C-alpha atoms as a PDB file:
ATOM      1  CA  MET A   1      74.208 -95.133 100.165  1.00  0.00           C
ATOM      2  CA  SER A   2      71.755 -95.579  97.629  1.00  0.00           C
ATOM      3  CA  ILE A   3      71.574 -94.575  94.077  1.00  0.00           C
ATOM      4  CA  ASP A   4      68.291 -93.950  91.596  1.00  0.00           C
ATOM      5  CA  TYR A   5      68.497 -95.662  88.402  1.00  0.00           C
ATOM      6  CA  GLY A   6      65.904 -94.004  87.043  1.00  0.00           C
ATOM      7  CA  TYR A   7      63.707 -96.156  86.913  1.00  0.00           C
ATOM      8  CA  GLY A   8      62.747 -96.867  90.414  1.00  0.00           C
ATOM      9  CA  LYS A   9      65.731 -99.047  91.572  1.00  0.00           C
ATOM     10  CA  LYS A  10      68.401 -98.278  94.042  1.00  0.00           C
ATOM     11  CA  ALA A  11      71.947 -98.898  93.683  1.00  0.00           C
ATOM     12  CA  THR A  12      73.302-102.164  95.806  1.00  0.00           C
ATOM     13  CA  VAL A  13      76.159-104.232  96.517  1.00  0.00           C
ATOM     14  CA  ARG A  14      74.813-105.915  93.269  1.00  0.00           C
ATOM     15  CA  SER A  15      75.397-102.920  91.269  1.00  0.00           C
ATOM     16  CA  VAL A  16      78.802-101.987  93.128  1.00  0.00           C
ATOM     17  CA  ILE A  17      80.198-105.663  92.151  1.00  0.00           C
ATOM     18  CA  SER A  18      78.817-105.594  88.710  1.00  0.00           C
ATOM     19  CA  ILE A  19      80.380-102.213  87.780  1.00  0.00           C
ATOM     20  CA  ILE A  20      83.822-103.411  89.268  1.00  0.00           C
ATOM     21  CA  ALA A  21      83.397-106.582  87.317  1.00  0.00           C
ATOM     22  CA  CYS A  22      82.555-104.417  83.917  1.00  0.00           C
ATOM     23  CA  LEU A  23      86.096-101.904  85.132  1.00  0.00           C
ATOM     24  CA  LEU A  24      87.797-104.990  85.046  1.00  0.00           C
ATOM     25  CA  VAL A  25      86.682-106.782  81.982  1.00  0.00           C
ATOM     26  CA  GLY A  26      86.467-103.751  80.068  1.00  0.00           C
ATOM     27  CA  LEU A  27      90.013-102.455  80.452  1.00  0.00           C
ATOM     28  CA  THR A  28      91.549-105.925  79.887  1.00  0.00           C
ATOM     29  CA  LEU A  29      89.838-105.835  76.808  1.00  0.00           C
ATOM     30  CA  VAL A  30      90.750-102.078  75.686  1.00  0.00           C
ATOM     31  CA  LEU A  31      94.483-102.241  76.451  1.00  0.00           C
ATOM     32  CA  ALA A  32      94.457-106.090  74.707  1.00  0.00           C
ATOM     33  CA  GLY A  33      92.801-104.937  71.480  1.00  0.00           C
ATOM     34  CA  GLY A  34      94.680-101.800  71.308  1.00  0.00           C
ATOM     35  CA  GLY A  35      98.128-103.273  71.952  1.00  0.00           C
ATOM     36  CA  LYS A  36      96.780-105.783  69.448  1.00  0.00           C
ATOM     37  CA  LEU A  37      95.511-103.210  66.452  1.00  0.00           C
ATOM     38  CA  ALA A  38      99.008-101.051  67.136  1.00  0.00           C
ATOM     39  CA  ASN A  39     100.720-104.296  65.849  1.00  0.00           C
ATOM     40  CA  LEU A  40      99.377-103.232  62.800  1.00  0.00           C
ATOM     41  CA  GLY A  41      97.843-106.251  60.930  1.00  0.00           C
ATOM     42  CA  GLN A  42     100.250-108.530  62.200  1.00  0.00           C
ATOM     43  CA  VAL A  43      98.654-112.089  63.130  1.00  0.00           C
ATOM     44  CA  PRO A  44     100.148-113.896  66.610  1.00  0.00           C
ATOM     45  CA  GLY A  45     101.819-117.161  64.963  1.00  0.00           C
ATOM     46  CA  GLN A  46      99.796-119.430  67.543  1.00  0.00           C
ATOM     47  CA  THR A  47      96.485-118.815  65.392  1.00  0.00           C
ATOM     48  CA  GLU A  48      97.880-121.501  63.005  1.00  0.00           C
ATOM     49  CA  PHE A  49      95.868-124.456  64.719  1.00  0.00           C
ATOM     50  CA  LEU A  50      92.596-123.068  63.537  1.00  0.00           C
ATOM     51  CA  ASP A  51      92.496-125.148  60.421  1.00  0.00           C
ATOM     52  CA  ARG A  52      92.112-128.337  63.051  1.00  0.00           C
ATOM     53  CA  PHE A  53      88.610-126.782  64.253  1.00  0.00           C
ATOM     54  CA  ILE A  54      86.854-125.306  60.732  1.00  0.00           C
ATOM     55  CA  PRO A  55      85.266-127.681  58.849  1.00  0.00           C
ATOM     56  CA  ASP A  56      87.190-128.429  55.599  1.00  0.00           C
ATOM     57  CA  PHE A  57      84.590-126.924  53.829  1.00  0.00           C
ATOM     58  CA  LEU A  58      84.888-123.811  55.057  1.00  0.00           C
ATOM     59  CA  LEU A  59      88.910-123.554  55.167  1.00  0.00           C
ATOM     60  CA  THR A  60      88.667-122.155  51.697  1.00  0.00           C
ATOM     61  CA  PRO A  61      91.638-120.314  50.381  1.00  0.00           C
ATOM     62  CA  GLU A  62      89.566-117.271  50.304  1.00  0.00           C
ATOM     63  CA  PHE A  63      88.138-118.029  54.096  1.00  0.00           C
ATOM     64  CA  ALA A  64      91.656-118.418  55.001  1.00  0.00           C
ATOM     65  CA  GLN A  65      92.867-115.347  53.530  1.00  0.00           C
ATOM     66  CA  PHE A  66      90.363-113.383  54.841  1.00  0.00           C
ATOM     67  CA  ILE A  67      90.805-115.005  58.790  1.00  0.00           C
ATOM     68  CA  GLY A  68      94.500-113.699  58.171  1.00  0.00           C
ATOM     69  CA  LEU A  69      94.479-110.975  56.728  1.00  0.00           C
ATOM     70  CA  VAL A  70      90.870-109.204  58.023  1.00  0.00           C
ATOM     71  CA  PHE A  71      89.117-111.073  61.131  1.00  0.00           C
ATOM     72  CA  ILE A  72      92.539-111.650  63.418  1.00  0.00           C
ATOM     73  CA  PRO A  73      94.331-108.395  62.658  1.00  0.00           C
ATOM     74  CA  TRP A  74      91.921-106.030  62.718  1.00  0.00           C
ATOM     75  CA  ILE A  75      88.003-107.413  63.468  1.00  0.00           C
ATOM     76  CA  LEU A  76      89.028-108.888  66.619  1.00  0.00           C
ATOM     77  CA  PRO A  77      90.830-106.591  68.139  1.00  0.00           C
ATOM     78  CA  ILE A  78      88.371-103.796  67.035  1.00  0.00           C
ATOM     79  CA  ALA A  79      85.320-106.168  68.590  1.00  0.00           C
ATOM     80  CA  GLU A  80      87.727-106.158  71.662  1.00  0.00           C
ATOM     81  CA  ILE A  81      88.036-102.477  72.107  1.00  0.00           C
ATOM     82  CA  PHE A  82      84.064-102.118  71.217  1.00  0.00           C
ATOM     83  CA  ILE A  83      83.260-104.545  73.988  1.00  0.00           C
ATOM     84  CA  GLY A  84      85.788-103.156  76.259  1.00  0.00           C
ATOM     85  CA  LEU A  85      84.761 -99.148  75.948  1.00  0.00           C
ATOM     86  CA  THR A  86      81.008-100.291  76.518  1.00  0.00           C
ATOM     87  CA  LEU A  87      81.995-102.209  79.456  1.00  0.00           C
ATOM     88  CA  ILE A  88      83.415 -99.295  80.711  1.00  0.00           C
ATOM     89  CA  THR A  89      81.430 -96.766  79.926  1.00  0.00           C
ATOM     90  CA  GLY A  90      78.191 -99.042  81.558  1.00  0.00           C
ATOM     91  CA  ILE A  91      76.255 -99.254  78.277  1.00  0.00           C
ATOM     92  CA  TRP A  92      74.420-102.297  78.184  1.00  0.00           C
ATOM     93  CA  PRO A  93      76.635-104.373  80.678  1.00  0.00           C
ATOM     94  CA  ARG A  94      74.535-108.026  80.124  1.00  0.00           C
ATOM     95  CA  LEU A  95      74.847-107.964  76.420  1.00  0.00           C
ATOM     96  CA  MET A  96      78.409-107.031  76.107  1.00  0.00           C
ATOM     97  CA  ALA A  97      79.320-109.625  78.981  1.00  0.00           C
ATOM     98  CA  ILE A  98      76.943-112.304  76.692  1.00  0.00           C
ATOM     99  CA  LEU A  99      78.745-110.961  73.219  1.00  0.00           C
ATOM    100  CA  PHE A 100      82.266-111.401  75.237  1.00  0.00           C
ATOM    101  CA  LEU A 101      81.721-115.253  76.199  1.00  0.00           C
ATOM    102  CA  PRO A 102      82.598-116.495  73.009  1.00  0.00           C
ATOM    103  CA  LEU A 103      85.819-113.871  72.701  1.00  0.00           C
ATOM    104  CA  VAL A 104      87.123-115.283  76.308  1.00  0.00           C
ATOM    105  CA  LEU A 105      86.095-119.205  75.152  1.00  0.00           C
ATOM    106  CA  GLY A 106      88.006-118.451  72.115  1.00  0.00           C
ATOM    107  CA  PHE A 107      91.234-117.201  73.862  1.00  0.00           C
ATOM    108  CA  MET A 108      90.907-119.953  75.991  1.00  0.00           C
ATOM    109  CA  ALA A 109      90.900-122.834  73.138  1.00  0.00           C
ATOM    110  CA  ASN A 110      93.759-120.560  71.474  1.00  0.00           C
ATOM    111  CA  ASN A 111      95.882-120.950  75.213  1.00  0.00           C
ATOM    112  CA  SER A 112      94.763-124.760  75.161  1.00  0.00           C
ATOM    113  CA  TYR A 113      96.482-125.370  71.963  1.00  0.00           C
ATOM    114  CA  MET A 114      99.568-123.117  73.168  1.00  0.00           C
ATOM    115  CA  ILE A 115      99.721-125.310  76.516  1.00  0.00           C
ATOM    116  CA  ALA A 116      99.524-128.587  74.836  1.00  0.00           C
ATOM    117  CA  THR A 117     102.080-127.502  72.280  1.00  0.00           C
ATOM    118  CA  GLY A 118     104.097-126.740  74.400  1.00  0.00           C
ATOM    119  CA  VAL A 119     106.417-123.538  75.822  1.00  0.00           C
ATOM    120  CA  ASP A 120     109.231-124.100  73.427  1.00  0.00           C
ATOM    121  CA  LYS A 121     107.503-123.076  70.747  1.00  0.00           C
ATOM    122  CA  TYR A 122     104.981-120.576  72.373  1.00  0.00           C
ATOM    123  CA  PRO A 123     106.941-118.647  75.507  1.00  0.00           C
ATOM    124  CA  THR A 124     104.096-115.965  75.365  1.00  0.00           C
ATOM    125  CA  CYS A 125     100.501-115.908  74.494  1.00  0.00           C
ATOM    126  CA  GLU A 126     101.037-112.368  72.583  1.00  0.00           C
ATOM    127  CA  CYS A 127      97.827-111.339  74.443  1.00  0.00           C
ATOM    128  CA  PHE A 128      98.677-107.939  74.383  1.00  0.00           C
ATOM    129  CA  GLY A 129     100.431-106.637  71.464  1.00  0.00           C
ATOM    130  CA  VAL A 130     102.708-104.022  71.646  1.00  0.00           C
ATOM    131  CA  TRP A 131     101.988-103.701  75.441  1.00  0.00           C
ATOM    132  CA  GLU A 132     104.205-106.554  76.069  1.00  0.00           C
ATOM    133  CA  GLN A 133     106.984-105.056  74.670  1.00  0.00           C
ATOM    134  CA  TRP A 134     106.900-102.789  78.139  1.00  0.00           C
ATOM    135  CA  LEU A 135     104.740-104.947  80.452  1.00  0.00           C
ATOM    136  CA  GLY A 136     106.158-108.037  79.624  1.00  0.00           C
ATOM    137  CA  GLY A 137     104.449-111.086  78.287  1.00  0.00           C
ATOM    138  CA  LEU A 138     101.849-113.634  79.605  1.00  0.00           C
ATOM    139  CA  THR A 139     102.786-117.440  79.471  1.00  0.00           C
ATOM    140  CA  PRO A 140     100.214-119.313  78.065  1.00  0.00           C
ATOM    141  CA  MET A 141      99.317-120.936  81.494  1.00  0.00           C
ATOM    142  CA  GLN A 142      99.188-117.430  83.023  1.00  0.00           C
ATOM    143  CA  SER A 143      97.007-116.345  79.984  1.00  0.00           C
ATOM    144  CA  MET A 144      94.607-119.353  80.538  1.00  0.00           C
ATOM    145  CA  TYR A 145      94.200-118.162  84.708  1.00  0.00           C
ATOM    146  CA  TYR A 146      93.848-114.697  83.415  1.00  0.00           C
ATOM    147  CA  ASP A 147      91.161-115.689  81.214  1.00  0.00           C
ATOM    148  CA  ILE A 148      89.392-117.891  83.331  1.00  0.00           C
ATOM    149  CA  ILE A 149      89.172-114.883  85.606  1.00  0.00           C
ATOM    150  CA  LEU A 150      87.851-112.618  82.605  1.00  0.00           C
ATOM    151  CA  LEU A 151      85.082-115.791  82.127  1.00  0.00           C
ATOM    152  CA  ILE A 152      84.335-115.632  86.039  1.00  0.00           C
ATOM    153  CA  LEU A 153      83.659-111.537  85.961  1.00  0.00           C
ATOM    154  CA  ALA A 154      81.695-111.841  82.597  1.00  0.00           C
ATOM    155  CA  VAL A 155      79.425-114.624  84.752  1.00  0.00           C
ATOM    156  CA  ILE A 156      79.164-112.083  87.271  1.00  0.00           C
ATOM    157  CA  ILE A 157      78.314-109.489  84.814  1.00  0.00           C
ATOM    158  CA  ILE A 158      75.283-111.158  83.271  1.00  0.00           C
ATOM    159  CA  ILE A 159      74.429-112.801  86.559  1.00  0.00           C
ATOM    160  CA  VAL A 160      74.827-109.562  89.510  1.00  0.00           C
ATOM    161  CA  GLN A 161      73.761-106.597  87.125  1.00  0.00           C
ATOM    162  CA  PRO A 162      70.668-105.520  88.716  1.00  0.00           C
ATOM    163  CA  ALA A 163      69.063-103.549  85.807  1.00  0.00           C
ATOM    164  CA  PRO A 164      66.982-105.017  83.215  1.00  0.00           C
ATOM    165  CA  PHE A 165      68.346-106.781  80.173  1.00  0.00           C
ATOM    166  CA  LEU A 166      69.222-103.848  77.879  1.00  0.00           C
ATOM    167  CA  SER A 167      69.806-101.116  80.471  1.00  0.00           C
ATOM    168  CA  HIS A 168      72.624 -98.903  81.223  1.00  0.00           C
ATOM    169  CA  GLN A 169      74.370 -98.019  84.352  1.00  0.00           C
ATOM    170  CA  PHE A 170      72.889 -95.516  86.502  1.00  0.00           C
ATOM    171  CA  TRP A 171      75.272 -92.509  86.044  1.00  0.00           C
ATOM    172  CA  ILE A 172      73.803 -92.476  81.803  1.00  0.00           C
ATOM    173  CA  ASN A 173      70.644 -92.339  83.497  1.00  0.00           C
ATOM    174  CA  LYS A 174      71.535 -89.407  85.527  1.00  0.00           C
ATOM    175  CA  TYR A 175      72.841 -87.869  82.655  1.00  0.00           C
ATOM    176  CA  LEU A 176      70.326 -88.078  80.331  1.00  0.00           C
ATOM    177  CA  SER A 177      67.772 -87.092  82.527  1.00  0.00           C
ATOM    178  CA  GLY A 178      70.019 -83.719  83.346  1.00  0.00           C
ATOM    179  CA  ASP A 179      70.551 -84.374  87.392  1.00  0.00           C
ATOM    180  CA  LYS A 180      74.012 -83.817  87.004  1.00  0.00           C
END
């Protein structure tokens, strides 16, 4: 079965793989971002390691306050939800996967810190915010494995997506052209 993308390309195994990867990464990001946002501005404890990576000349009290009060509790979850929703809907999957790479690398750095610090101090990663109350939390090592899988899926989206770079999934073209 082939599906016309609207610009001469047909859906292939590559597009199906890309769609599945987009859905898996997107759902994870929407759940994680929504769970963190539902915590109403709470900052996970493991973010204390940031002062070791941010240069001293940048780590002013104002910048540290911005990171702790605005960036981590609000901007980061909103970015996760935005990237997740665009991946789920198929809008610019390659671009969104590229924008996801720094996020997942940051999550991996955070998990590395938690693993190095020890499970006594950080028994869970707090990756999914309020959802961890019902679903249970991941250990830092489990979260690291999950992040590695998400990184691989993002790379798959970037490499395997058959459409041009700033294109969207075929169903959007179909909808825009009026073929319902």
